[in-house]
Amino acid sequence: MAKIAISANTSWYLFNFRKNTILALIEAGHTVTAIAPRDDYSIKLEQLGARFIDIDIDQGGTNPVNDTKTFFAFNSIFKAEKFDVVLNFTPKNNIYGTVAASKNGTKVINNIAGLGIIFINENLTAKIARGLYKFSQRRADKIFFQNEDDRGLFIDNKLADISKTDRLPGSGADLSRFAISPAADDGVVSFLLVARMLYDKGIGHYVEAARELKQRYGDKVQFNLLGFLDVNNPSAVSKAEMQVWVDEGIVNYLGFSDKVEEEIAKVDCMVLPSFYREGVPKSLLEAGAMGKPIVTTDNVGCRETVDHGVNGYLCQTRSTVSLVEMLTKMIEQTHQERLNMGLASRQKIENEFDEKIIINKYLTAIESII
């Protein structure tokens, strides 16, 4: 059995997105160590049966001094621990964790969960990030991508050897936790957007669309937002901006929750008008698993979750007009038609995005490289 590390930029991420992977690794007889900055979820990782090692990672920062410190911290950990393999998640872990691990003889399996603004922008920061990916990913033993667009981009730009790459269906959805939960037929069509509150996620377009549709439909429509606010990111929505929208009566801000399924259960439709370069958004997979129709953009990662007109609608990126059009289609349907679309979502998630598919791929990859 192997000595495995699993690494991300927050303990919150590892617990909320990789809990079942950790449990499956432990059940298979491996020892698991979680490497992430300490937060309220670190103790929960230990309660799962994993060891925990704290590391300082400046998530959204671009300070080279901080990133150099992160690399050396990874290097010290891998030098001391002598892991057989590390599973890296989130960008800086994929970059600095990979270089440090390979330097110390630890096998590396990376997960590229979307590329954010790195391949959209042409500024210096984005160019440096692409260079770091090229330098680091050549040292990985296996690289999982969440969509074919990102995989193709890495191969075409010679950032990764095609033989080391594979496709995963996103992060998958836990079909037992996220069970079908039809919305009540109460005469109100309620929408929910779950994400970090970033303008890149289409928050601005969602609010603009909500303003227009509230004027048209009044209290017959409701627009909800759930997710971390005022995060360390240049695209972040501030608390003051959110409060203005709430006071105006356009949206309800629900904060953030570890029990997102309770909020998804209440609504008629999940929305994500993202123009961020996504992997496959977890919120859409979880909503689909709960039998909710989806409105999202015809964008990398997002489009994978929707068969247009079957389990939801795809709108144009960066277009409030297109978003309003697709939300109107959803509003004008009967309650039963929305429920039928939701059932199609559940079927799609069961067929293509079951979390067990991802976990089995990891178990197989670990076995093959060690």
Protein backbone atom coordinates (compact mmCIF):
# COMPACT_ATOMS: atom_id res chain seq x y z
CA MET A 1 0.00 0.00 0.00
CA ALA A 2 1.14 3.52 -0.74
CA LYS A 3 1.97 6.62 1.27
CA ILE A 4 -0.16 9.28 -0.41
CA ALA A 5 -0.31 13.07 -0.08
CA ILE A 6 -3.29 15.10 -1.28
CA SER A 7 -2.71 18.82 -1.72
CA ALA A 8 -4.86 21.93 -2.36
CA ASN A 9 -4.90 25.64 -1.57
CA THR A 10 -7.50 25.30 1.23
CA SER A 11 -8.52 22.58 3.65
CA TRP A 12 -12.08 23.67 2.81
CA TYR A 13 -11.55 22.52 -0.78
CA LEU A 14 -10.16 19.13 0.21
CA PHE A 15 -12.99 18.45 2.63
CA ASN A 16 -15.84 19.67 0.43
CA PHE A 17 -14.57 18.46 -2.96
CA ARG A 18 -12.32 15.48 -2.18
CA LYS A 19 -13.77 13.95 0.98
CA ASN A 20 -14.92 10.75 -0.71
CA THR A 21 -11.62 10.39 -2.58
CA ILE A 22 -9.75 10.54 0.74
CA LEU A 23 -12.12 7.97 2.27
CA ALA A 24 -11.72 5.65 -0.73
CA LEU A 25 -7.92 5.86 -0.55
CA ILE A 26 -7.95 5.03 3.16
CA GLU A 27 -10.42 2.19 2.58
CA ALA A 28 -8.05 0.80 -0.09
CA GLY A 29 -5.35 0.59 2.60
CA HIS A 30 -3.29 3.66 1.69
CA THR A 31 -2.11 6.19 4.26
CA VAL A 32 -3.24 9.71 3.38
CA THR A 33 -1.74 13.06 4.37
CA ALA A 34 -3.56 16.30 3.52
CA ILE A 35 -1.33 19.29 2.71
CA ALA A 36 -3.11 22.66 2.76
CA PRO A 37 -3.29 25.93 4.69
CA ARG A 38 -4.89 25.42 8.08
CA ASP A 39 -8.51 26.54 8.37
CA ASP A 40 -11.72 25.41 10.08
CA TYR A 41 -11.82 22.27 7.92
CA SER A 42 -8.35 20.95 8.73
CA ILE A 43 -9.64 19.13 11.82
CA LYS A 44 -12.40 17.58 9.70
CA LEU A 45 -9.77 16.11 7.37
CA GLU A 46 -8.09 14.53 10.39
CA GLN A 47 -11.45 13.16 11.53
CA LEU A 48 -11.72 11.39 8.17
CA GLY A 49 -8.50 9.55 9.03
CA ALA A 50 -5.96 11.69 7.18
CA ARG A 51 -2.86 13.28 8.68
CA PHE A 52 -2.66 17.02 8.19
CA ILE A 53 0.32 19.25 7.32
CA ASP A 54 -0.11 23.02 7.31
CA ILE A 55 1.43 25.05 4.47
CA ASP A 56 1.23 28.74 3.64
CA ILE A 57 -0.20 29.45 0.15
CA ASP A 58 -1.14 32.91 -1.12
CA GLN A 59 -4.13 31.75 -3.18
CA GLY A 60 -4.82 34.69 -5.47
CA GLY A 61 -1.58 36.60 -5.00
CA THR A 62 1.18 37.10 -7.55
CA ASN A 63 4.01 38.06 -5.20
CA PRO A 64 7.07 36.02 -6.29
CA VAL A 65 8.53 36.13 -2.77
CA ASN A 66 5.43 34.48 -1.31
CA ASP A 67 5.36 31.89 -4.08
CA THR A 68 9.05 31.11 -3.59
CA LYS A 69 8.34 30.51 0.11
CA THR A 70 5.52 28.16 -0.89
CA PHE A 71 7.85 26.17 -3.15
CA PHE A 72 10.46 25.78 -0.42
CA ALA A 73 7.75 24.75 2.07
CA PHE A 74 6.60 22.04 -0.35
CA ASN A 75 10.19 20.98 -0.89
CA SER A 76 10.80 20.60 2.86
CA ILE A 77 7.64 18.52 3.26
CA PHE A 78 8.40 16.15 0.38
CA LYS A 79 12.04 15.81 1.41
CA ALA A 80 11.05 14.84 4.97
CA GLU A 81 8.01 12.67 4.25
CA LYS A 82 9.08 10.59 1.24
CA PHE A 83 5.57 10.08 -0.12
CA ASP A 84 5.01 7.56 -2.89
CA VAL A 85 2.61 9.82 -4.77
CA VAL A 86 0.95 13.22 -4.38
CA LEU A 87 -2.44 14.19 -5.79
CA ASN A 88 -2.39 17.93 -6.47
CA PHE A 89 -5.43 20.14 -6.87
CA THR A 90 -5.70 23.92 -7.48
CA PRO A 91 -3.18 25.97 -9.50
CA LYS A 92 -0.26 26.75 -7.17
CA ASN A 93 -0.27 23.20 -5.83
CA ASN A 94 -0.18 21.89 -9.40
CA ILE A 95 2.83 24.10 -10.13
CA TYR A 96 4.98 24.33 -6.99
CA GLY A 97 3.88 21.03 -5.50
CA THR A 98 4.77 19.24 -8.72
CA VAL A 99 8.29 20.67 -8.98
CA ALA A 100 9.03 20.00 -5.31
CA ALA A 101 7.63 16.47 -5.41
CA SER A 102 9.49 15.44 -8.56
CA LYS A 103 12.72 16.88 -7.11
CA ASN A 104 12.32 14.51 -4.15
CA GLY A 105 11.34 11.38 -6.04
CA THR A 106 7.59 11.55 -5.34
CA LYS A 107 5.26 10.60 -8.19
CA VAL A 108 2.77 13.31 -9.20
CA ILE A 109 -0.87 13.18 -10.31
CA ASN A 110 -2.32 16.61 -11.10
CA ASN A 111 -5.87 17.77 -11.65
CA ILE A 112 -6.28 20.82 -13.93
CA ALA A 113 -9.70 22.06 -12.84
CA GLY A 114 -10.09 24.93 -15.26
CA LEU A 115 -7.58 27.54 -16.30
CA GLY A 116 -9.31 30.70 -15.08
CA ILE A 117 -7.92 33.80 -16.78
CA ILE A 118 -4.48 32.34 -17.57
CA PHE A 119 -5.29 31.57 -21.21
CA ILE A 120 -7.68 34.49 -21.67
CA ASN A 121 -5.43 37.39 -20.66
CA GLU A 122 -2.19 38.41 -22.35
CA ASN A 123 -0.75 40.40 -19.47
CA LEU A 124 2.62 39.66 -17.86
CA THR A 125 1.12 37.69 -14.98
CA ALA A 126 -0.75 35.36 -17.35
CA LYS A 127 2.38 34.82 -19.46
CA ILE A 128 4.43 33.97 -16.37
CA ALA A 129 1.74 31.55 -15.21
CA ARG A 130 1.76 29.78 -18.59
CA GLY A 131 5.54 29.50 -18.37
CA LEU A 132 5.28 28.00 -14.88
CA TYR A 133 2.73 25.47 -16.10
CA LYS A 134 5.03 24.48 -18.96
CA PHE A 135 8.02 24.10 -16.62
CA SER A 136 6.10 22.14 -13.97
CA GLN A 137 3.71 19.88 -15.87
CA ARG A 138 6.51 18.19 -17.78
CA ARG A 139 7.51 16.76 -14.40
CA ALA A 140 4.08 15.27 -13.64
CA ASP A 141 3.45 11.56 -14.08
CA LYS A 142 -0.27 11.94 -14.77
CA ILE A 143 -2.43 14.98 -15.54
CA PHE A 144 -6.20 14.82 -15.36
CA PHE A 145 -8.24 17.48 -17.17
CA GLN A 146 -11.91 18.20 -16.57
CA ASN A 147 -12.72 19.03 -20.19
CA GLU A 148 -11.25 18.33 -23.61
CA ASP A 149 -10.73 22.03 -24.40
CA ASP A 150 -8.16 22.39 -21.60
CA ARG A 151 -6.53 19.08 -22.43
CA GLY A 152 -6.19 20.09 -26.07
CA LEU A 153 -4.78 23.49 -25.10
CA PHE A 154 -2.03 21.91 -23.00
CA ILE A 155 -1.13 19.41 -25.72
CA ASP A 156 -1.18 21.99 -28.55
CA ASN A 157 1.02 24.38 -26.55
CA LYS A 158 3.37 21.53 -25.60
CA LEU A 159 2.67 22.04 -21.90
CA ALA A 160 2.07 18.31 -21.42
CA ASP A 161 2.88 15.04 -23.13
CA ILE A 162 -0.35 13.55 -24.50
CA SER A 163 0.55 10.11 -23.11
CA LYS A 164 0.40 11.49 -19.55
CA THR A 165 -3.00 13.15 -19.94
CA ASP A 166 -6.51 11.87 -19.35
CA ARG A 167 -10.01 13.31 -19.05
CA LEU A 168 -12.16 13.26 -15.92
CA PRO A 169 -15.84 14.22 -15.84
CA GLY A 170 -15.24 17.23 -13.60
CA SER A 171 -15.08 16.63 -9.87
CA GLY A 172 -18.15 14.45 -10.14
CA ALA A 173 -21.23 14.49 -7.94
CA ASP A 174 -21.98 12.38 -4.88
CA LEU A 175 -25.26 10.86 -6.04
CA SER A 176 -26.21 9.67 -2.56
CA ARG A 177 -25.75 13.08 -0.94
CA PHE A 178 -27.27 15.04 -3.83
CA ALA A 179 -30.56 13.24 -4.35
CA ILE A 180 -33.51 14.34 -6.49
CA SER A 181 -35.44 17.07 -4.70
CA PRO A 182 -38.24 18.70 -6.73
CA ALA A 183 -39.03 22.36 -6.00
CA ALA A 184 -42.45 23.23 -4.60
CA ASP A 185 -45.09 24.46 -7.04
CA ASP A 186 -45.67 27.76 -5.21
CA GLY A 187 -46.12 30.12 -8.14
CA VAL A 188 -42.60 31.56 -7.79
CA VAL A 189 -39.79 30.58 -10.16
CA SER A 190 -36.61 30.71 -8.07
CA PHE A 191 -33.07 30.74 -9.42
CA LEU A 192 -29.80 30.06 -7.61
CA LEU A 193 -26.19 30.87 -8.50
CA VAL A 194 -23.58 29.06 -6.40
CA ALA A 195 -19.96 30.20 -6.82
CA ARG A 196 -17.29 32.39 -5.38
CA MET A 197 -18.70 35.89 -5.85
CA LEU A 198 -16.48 36.90 -8.79
CA TYR A 199 -17.46 39.02 -11.76
CA ASP A 200 -15.67 36.43 -13.94
CA LYS A 201 -18.36 33.97 -12.84
CA GLY A 202 -20.98 36.19 -14.48
CA ILE A 203 -22.31 37.71 -11.26
CA GLY A 204 -22.76 41.10 -12.92
CA HIS A 205 -24.77 39.64 -15.79
CA TYR A 206 -26.90 37.64 -13.35
CA VAL A 207 -27.72 40.78 -11.36
CA GLU A 208 -28.51 42.76 -14.51
CA ALA A 209 -30.76 39.97 -15.76
CA ALA A 210 -32.44 39.75 -12.35
CA ARG A 211 -33.12 43.50 -12.38
CA GLU A 212 -34.80 43.28 -15.79
CA LEU A 213 -36.82 40.16 -15.01
CA LYS A 214 -37.95 41.45 -11.59
CA GLN A 215 -39.36 44.50 -13.36
CA ARG A 216 -41.20 42.22 -15.77
CA TYR A 217 -42.40 39.46 -13.44
CA GLY A 218 -42.27 41.06 -9.98
CA ASP A 219 -42.56 38.64 -7.06
CA LYS A 220 -43.16 35.71 -9.40
CA VAL A 221 -39.38 35.34 -9.79
CA GLN A 222 -36.62 35.15 -7.22
CA PHE A 223 -32.84 35.34 -7.66
CA ASN A 224 -30.49 33.90 -5.04
CA LEU A 225 -26.71 33.96 -4.63
CA LEU A 226 -24.66 31.57 -2.50
CA GLY A 227 -20.89 31.57 -2.07
CA PHE A 228 -17.83 33.26 -0.62
CA LEU A 229 -17.95 37.07 -0.85
CA ASP A 230 -15.12 39.62 -0.92
CA VAL A 231 -12.48 36.95 -1.64
CA ASN A 232 -8.82 37.65 -2.44
CA ASN A 233 -9.26 38.04 -6.20
CA PRO A 234 -9.17 41.08 -8.53
CA SER A 235 -12.57 40.03 -9.90
CA ALA A 236 -14.22 39.80 -6.47
CA VAL A 237 -17.57 41.36 -5.65
CA SER A 238 -17.28 43.50 -2.52
CA LYS A 239 -19.58 43.36 0.49
CA ALA A 240 -20.71 46.92 -0.26
CA GLU A 241 -21.66 46.06 -3.84
CA MET A 242 -23.62 43.02 -2.72
CA GLN A 243 -25.46 45.05 -0.08
CA VAL A 244 -26.56 47.59 -2.71
CA TRP A 245 -28.12 44.81 -4.80
CA VAL A 246 -29.81 43.26 -1.78
CA ASP A 247 -31.18 46.63 -0.63
CA GLU A 248 -32.49 47.25 -4.14
CA GLY A 249 -34.48 44.02 -3.86
CA ILE A 250 -32.88 42.41 -6.91
CA VAL A 251 -31.20 39.40 -5.28
CA ASN A 252 -31.04 37.48 -2.02
CA TYR A 253 -27.51 36.81 -0.76
CA LEU A 254 -27.47 33.59 1.26
CA GLY A 255 -23.86 33.71 2.49
CA PHE A 256 -22.02 30.39 2.18
CA SER A 257 -22.94 26.95 3.43
CA ASP A 258 -21.47 23.48 3.96
CA LYS A 259 -24.94 22.10 3.24
CA VAL A 260 -25.43 23.53 -0.21
CA GLU A 261 -27.93 20.77 -0.99
CA GLU A 262 -30.42 22.40 1.36
CA GLU A 263 -30.41 25.59 -0.72
CA ILE A 264 -30.41 23.77 -4.07
CA ALA A 265 -33.47 21.77 -2.96
CA LYS A 266 -35.56 24.95 -2.62
CA VAL A 267 -35.05 26.34 -6.12
CA ASP A 268 -36.42 25.66 -9.59
CA CYS A 269 -33.25 26.23 -11.61
CA MET A 270 -29.48 26.59 -11.21
CA VAL A 271 -27.72 29.41 -13.09
CA LEU A 272 -24.03 30.08 -13.84
CA PRO A 273 -23.33 32.69 -16.58
CA SER A 274 -19.57 32.25 -16.20
CA PHE A 275 -17.01 33.46 -18.72
CA TYR A 276 -14.19 32.20 -16.47
CA ARG A 277 -12.35 29.24 -17.98
CA GLU A 278 -13.98 26.56 -15.86
CA GLY A 279 -13.10 22.91 -15.38
CA VAL A 280 -16.62 21.57 -14.93
CA PRO A 281 -18.42 23.64 -12.26
CA LYS A 282 -19.20 21.56 -9.19
CA SER A 283 -22.35 23.57 -8.46
CA LEU A 284 -23.88 22.59 -11.80
CA LEU A 285 -23.09 18.91 -11.28
CA GLU A 286 -24.62 18.94 -7.81
CA ALA A 287 -27.72 20.81 -8.99
CA GLY A 288 -28.13 18.40 -11.89
CA ALA A 289 -27.83 15.45 -9.50
CA MET A 290 -30.68 16.97 -7.46
CA GLY A 291 -32.90 17.12 -10.53
CA LYS A 292 -32.62 20.81 -11.35
CA PRO A 293 -32.58 22.30 -14.85
CA ILE A 294 -29.55 24.46 -15.63
CA VAL A 295 -28.95 27.75 -17.42
CA THR A 296 -25.26 28.36 -18.12
CA THR A 297 -22.95 29.73 -20.77
CA ASP A 298 -21.78 28.02 -23.93
CA ASN A 299 -18.33 28.21 -22.41
CA VAL A 300 -15.46 25.82 -21.72
CA GLY A 301 -16.45 23.48 -18.87
CA CYS A 302 -19.96 24.85 -18.46
CA ARG A 303 -21.37 23.52 -21.73
CA GLU A 304 -20.49 19.96 -20.71
CA THR A 305 -23.34 19.97 -18.17
CA VAL A 306 -26.20 20.93 -20.51
CA ASP A 307 -27.87 19.37 -23.52
CA HIS A 308 -29.52 22.53 -24.83
CA GLY A 309 -33.31 22.33 -24.67
CA VAL A 310 -33.21 18.96 -22.89
CA ASN A 311 -32.01 19.59 -19.33
CA GLY A 312 -31.48 23.34 -19.59
CA TYR A 313 -30.31 26.16 -21.82
CA LEU A 314 -26.98 27.56 -22.97
CA CYS A 315 -26.58 31.32 -23.31
CA GLN A 316 -23.84 33.39 -24.91
CA THR A 317 -20.90 34.44 -22.74
CA ARG A 318 -20.75 38.03 -21.50
CA SER A 319 -24.30 38.67 -22.76
CA THR A 320 -27.03 39.82 -20.40
CA VAL A 321 -29.44 39.86 -23.36
CA SER A 322 -28.82 36.18 -24.09
CA LEU A 323 -29.03 35.29 -20.39
CA VAL A 324 -32.37 37.10 -20.05
CA GLU A 325 -33.66 35.22 -23.09
CA MET A 326 -32.80 31.81 -21.63
CA LEU A 327 -34.06 32.63 -18.14
CA THR A 328 -37.32 33.81 -19.72
CA LYS A 329 -37.64 30.45 -21.48
CA MET A 330 -37.29 28.77 -18.09
CA ILE A 331 -39.82 31.09 -16.43
CA GLU A 332 -42.40 30.60 -19.19
CA GLN A 333 -42.34 26.83 -18.87
CA THR A 334 -44.89 25.05 -16.71
CA HIS A 335 -43.76 23.70 -13.35
CA GLN A 336 -44.01 20.15 -14.73
CA GLU A 337 -41.88 21.01 -17.75
CA ARG A 338 -39.16 22.32 -15.44
CA LEU A 339 -39.39 19.14 -13.36
CA ASN A 340 -39.02 17.05 -16.54
CA MET A 341 -35.93 19.02 -17.51
CA GLY A 342 -34.58 18.41 -14.02
CA LEU A 343 -35.07 14.66 -14.36
CA ALA A 344 -33.06 14.83 -17.59
CA SER A 345 -30.32 16.59 -15.61
CA ARG A 346 -30.25 13.79 -13.06
CA GLN A 347 -30.02 11.18 -15.80
CA LYS A 348 -27.12 13.04 -17.43
CA ILE A 349 -25.22 13.28 -14.14
CA GLU A 350 -25.78 9.59 -13.39
CA ASN A 351 -24.54 8.60 -16.83
CA GLU A 352 -21.57 10.96 -17.17
CA PHE A 353 -20.58 12.57 -13.87
CA ASP A 354 -20.94 10.06 -11.03
CA GLU A 355 -18.16 10.79 -8.49
CA LYS A 356 -17.37 7.07 -8.37
CA ILE A 357 -16.02 7.34 -11.93
CA ILE A 358 -13.45 9.90 -10.75
CA ILE A 359 -12.45 7.96 -7.64
CA ASN A 360 -11.91 4.76 -9.65
CA LYS A 361 -9.74 6.66 -12.15
CA TYR A 362 -7.56 7.91 -9.30
CA LEU A 363 -7.21 4.46 -7.77
CA THR A 364 -6.22 3.05 -11.17
CA ALA A 365 -3.74 5.87 -11.86
CA ILE A 366 -2.06 5.42 -8.47
CA GLU A 367 -1.71 1.70 -9.05
CA SER A 368 -0.25 2.21 -12.54
CA ILE A 369 2.47 4.74 -11.59
CA ILE A 370 3.71 3.13 -8.38
